[in-house]
Amino acid sequence: MAGFNIYNMTLIENGYKKEGLIYKKVNTEPALNYNEEDEKENYLREVIQQVKDPSVESLEWKQYIHDWSSRYHLSPQRVDLLRPWSNLFLIKKF
């Protein structure tokens, strides 16, 4: 077979399929559907609904931090990431 060599065979054996002049990886694994555990997402939703002061600078958020996920989403330090652009955001009073 013209154009077929050990390199081509190795690609095919490792899950690649030749399409024209290129090899494409054949997706044999199920799609990765990311979901940060519904329990954690539900917890954050409940927290957001319960807080009396939902402002980003509220100290109330700290009492709800109990694991990495809640720290990531509720830490008052996160607000510092956006502070330089705060004038670009609309302020909504609750």
Protein backbone atom coordinates (compact mmCIF):
# COMPACT_ATOMS: atom_id res chain seq x y z
CA MET A 1 0.00 0.00 0.00
CA ALA A 2 1.61 3.25 -1.13
CA GLY A 3 2.17 5.84 1.60
CA PHE A 4 1.61 3.35 4.42
CA ASN A 5 4.46 2.85 6.87
CA ILE A 6 5.11 1.91 10.46
CA TYR A 7 4.42 5.49 11.57
CA ASN A 8 0.94 5.37 10.02
CA MET A 9 0.28 1.98 11.62
CA THR A 10 1.32 3.26 15.05
CA LEU A 11 -1.02 6.25 14.76
CA ILE A 12 -3.92 4.02 13.78
CA GLU A 13 -3.18 1.59 16.62
CA ASN A 14 -3.24 4.52 19.06
CA GLY A 15 -6.68 5.70 18.08
CA TYR A 16 -6.04 8.02 15.14
CA LYS A 17 -7.90 7.95 11.85
CA LYS A 18 -6.50 9.32 8.61
CA GLU A 19 -8.68 11.95 6.94
CA GLY A 20 -7.09 13.23 3.79
CA LEU A 21 -3.54 14.25 4.64
CA ILE A 22 -4.06 14.54 8.39
CA TYR A 23 -4.67 12.17 11.28
CA LYS A 24 -7.45 12.89 13.75
CA LYS A 25 -7.82 11.37 17.19
CA VAL A 26 -10.94 9.22 17.32
CA ASN A 27 -12.81 10.06 20.48
CA THR A 28 -13.40 6.73 22.18
CA GLU A 29 -13.84 8.11 25.69
CA PRO A 30 -17.12 9.49 26.98
CA ALA A 31 -17.43 13.27 27.04
CA LEU A 32 -16.25 14.91 30.24
CA ASN A 33 -19.27 16.58 31.72
CA TYR A 34 -17.99 18.79 34.51
CA ASN A 35 -20.26 19.17 37.47
CA GLU A 36 -19.03 20.42 40.79
CA GLU A 37 -21.21 18.09 42.78
CA ASP A 38 -24.79 19.25 43.00
CA GLU A 39 -24.53 19.27 46.80
CA LYS A 40 -21.91 22.03 46.72
CA GLU A 41 -23.77 24.06 44.12
CA ASN A 42 -26.99 23.77 46.13
CA TYR A 43 -25.14 24.86 49.27
CA LEU A 44 -23.88 28.01 47.53
CA ARG A 45 -27.37 28.78 46.23
CA GLU A 46 -28.79 28.48 49.77
CA VAL A 47 -26.07 30.72 51.16
CA ILE A 48 -26.72 33.40 48.54
CA GLN A 49 -30.43 33.31 49.37
CA GLN A 50 -29.83 33.53 53.15
CA VAL A 51 -27.31 36.32 53.51
CA LYS A 52 -28.63 39.65 54.72
CA ASP A 53 -25.81 41.67 53.15
CA PRO A 54 -25.02 40.24 49.70
CA SER A 55 -22.42 42.86 48.86
CA VAL A 56 -19.05 41.54 47.80
CA GLU A 57 -17.39 43.26 50.75
CA SER A 58 -19.77 41.76 53.30
CA LEU A 59 -18.08 39.94 56.18
CA GLU A 60 -21.16 37.73 56.43
CA TRP A 61 -19.82 35.42 53.69
CA LYS A 62 -16.99 34.18 55.92
CA GLN A 63 -19.29 32.26 58.24
CA TYR A 64 -20.37 30.03 55.33
CA ILE A 65 -16.88 28.98 54.28
CA HIS A 66 -16.28 25.35 55.27
CA ASP A 67 -14.37 23.71 52.40
CA TRP A 68 -12.30 24.55 49.33
CA SER A 69 -15.31 25.09 47.08
CA SER A 70 -17.05 27.49 49.44
CA ARG A 71 -13.76 29.31 50.11
CA TYR A 72 -13.20 29.68 46.37
CA HIS A 73 -16.63 31.21 45.80
CA LEU A 74 -17.22 33.14 49.02
CA SER A 75 -13.83 34.43 50.13
CA PRO A 76 -13.72 38.22 50.53
CA GLN A 77 -10.26 38.12 48.97
CA ARG A 78 -11.79 37.28 45.59
CA VAL A 79 -13.30 40.73 45.32
CA ASP A 80 -9.77 42.12 45.05
CA LEU A 81 -9.42 40.44 41.68
CA LEU A 82 -12.06 42.70 40.18
CA ARG A 83 -11.61 45.81 42.29
CA PRO A 84 -9.51 47.67 39.67
CA TRP A 85 -12.46 47.46 37.27
CA SER A 86 -15.25 48.09 39.78
CA ASN A 87 -16.28 51.30 38.04
CA LEU A 88 -17.19 49.24 34.98
CA PHE A 89 -19.84 47.20 36.82
CA LEU A 90 -23.39 48.31 37.45
CA ILE A 91 -24.12 48.48 41.16
CA LYS A 92 -27.31 46.75 42.15
CA LYS A 93 -28.72 47.39 45.62
CA PHE A 94 -30.68 44.54 47.18
